[in-house]
Amino acid sequence: MHLKRWITSLVALPLLIFLILKGGAFLFTVFICFVCIVSLFEYYKIVLSNTDFKVFGFIPFLGFIAGCLIILASYFKSLMQLL
């Protein structure tokens, strides 16, 4: 069980370091939005498995949008402080 997590971290860590060093702040923000969507998808798949709601329904869609907007708002807020 833990072997999958170790393999994932060994693959993801160099990618993350490269993304931070060479990609810039906006590309890192886009990556974090992608991670947010994947995480919320897994969460909704677990939570909504025994209900009538679908993972690709309206309420999860609002959650995906809200998660990305919060991350993008923090990026643009920090950008405005630099100006």
Protein backbone atom coordinates (compact mmCIF):
# COMPACT_ATOMS: atom_id res chain seq x y z
CA MET A 1 0.00 0.00 0.00
CA HIS A 2 2.71 2.46 0.90
CA LEU A 3 4.85 1.43 -2.08
CA LYS A 4 2.52 3.26 -4.48
CA ARG A 5 2.84 6.44 -2.44
CA TRP A 6 6.63 6.20 -2.39
CA ILE A 7 6.78 5.66 -6.15
CA THR A 8 4.42 8.58 -6.74
CA SER A 9 6.49 10.87 -4.54
CA LEU A 10 9.74 9.81 -6.21
CA VAL A 11 8.27 10.61 -9.62
CA ALA A 12 6.43 13.78 -8.60
CA LEU A 13 9.19 15.43 -6.56
CA PRO A 14 11.62 16.06 -9.46
CA LEU A 15 8.71 17.27 -11.59
CA LEU A 16 7.63 19.65 -8.84
CA ILE A 17 11.16 21.00 -8.32
CA PHE A 18 11.58 21.53 -12.07
CA LEU A 19 8.19 23.25 -12.25
CA ILE A 20 9.06 25.63 -9.42
CA LEU A 21 12.53 26.49 -10.71
CA LYS A 22 11.86 26.76 -14.45
CA GLY A 23 8.14 27.21 -14.84
CA GLY A 24 7.50 30.42 -12.99
CA ALA A 25 4.71 31.40 -10.65
CA PHE A 26 1.85 31.19 -13.13
CA LEU A 27 2.70 27.67 -14.32
CA PHE A 28 3.03 26.57 -10.70
CA THR A 29 -0.42 28.07 -9.99
CA VAL A 30 -1.90 26.16 -12.93
CA PHE A 31 -0.30 22.97 -11.62
CA ILE A 32 -1.78 23.54 -8.16
CA CYS A 33 -5.22 24.08 -9.80
CA PHE A 34 -4.80 20.74 -11.56
CA VAL A 35 -3.91 19.05 -8.26
CA CYS A 36 -6.95 20.72 -6.65
CA ILE A 37 -9.28 19.36 -9.33
CA VAL A 38 -7.85 15.83 -9.07
CA SER A 39 -8.09 15.92 -5.28
CA LEU A 40 -11.66 17.20 -5.31
CA PHE A 41 -12.61 14.57 -7.89
CA GLU A 42 -11.31 11.80 -5.61
CA TYR A 43 -13.05 13.38 -2.62
CA TYR A 44 -16.38 13.61 -4.43
CA LYS A 45 -16.00 10.06 -5.68
CA ILE A 46 -15.68 8.85 -2.08
CA VAL A 47 -18.32 11.10 -0.52
CA LEU A 48 -20.95 10.89 -3.24
CA SER A 49 -20.66 7.15 -3.89
CA ASN A 50 -23.81 6.25 -1.90
CA THR A 51 -25.97 9.20 -2.92
CA ASP A 52 -27.99 10.29 -5.93
CA PHE A 53 -25.45 13.00 -6.80
CA LYS A 54 -23.01 12.37 -9.63
CA VAL A 55 -19.30 13.18 -9.52
CA PHE A 56 -19.73 15.26 -12.68
CA GLY A 57 -22.89 16.96 -11.47
CA PHE A 58 -23.63 20.60 -10.78
CA ILE A 59 -22.53 20.73 -7.13
CA PRO A 60 -19.11 19.10 -7.71
CA PHE A 61 -18.64 21.38 -10.71
CA LEU A 62 -19.16 24.39 -8.44
CA GLY A 63 -16.58 22.89 -6.07
CA PHE A 64 -14.04 22.51 -8.89
CA ILE A 65 -14.59 26.11 -9.99
CA ALA A 66 -14.46 27.48 -6.42
CA GLY A 67 -11.25 25.57 -5.65
CA CYS A 68 -9.51 26.93 -8.74
CA LEU A 69 -10.80 30.45 -8.16
CA ILE A 70 -9.43 30.49 -4.61
CA ILE A 71 -6.00 29.42 -5.89
CA LEU A 72 -6.06 31.92 -8.75
CA ALA A 73 -7.19 34.69 -6.39
CA SER A 74 -4.19 34.08 -4.16
CA TYR A 75 -1.90 34.20 -7.22
CA PHE A 76 -3.34 37.47 -8.52
CA LYS A 77 -3.41 38.99 -5.01
CA SER A 78 0.31 38.28 -4.58
CA LEU A 79 0.90 39.65 -8.09
CA MET A 80 -0.88 42.89 -7.19
CA GLN A 81 1.27 43.28 -4.07
CA LEU A 82 4.40 43.16 -6.22
CA LEU A 83 3.16 46.03 -8.40
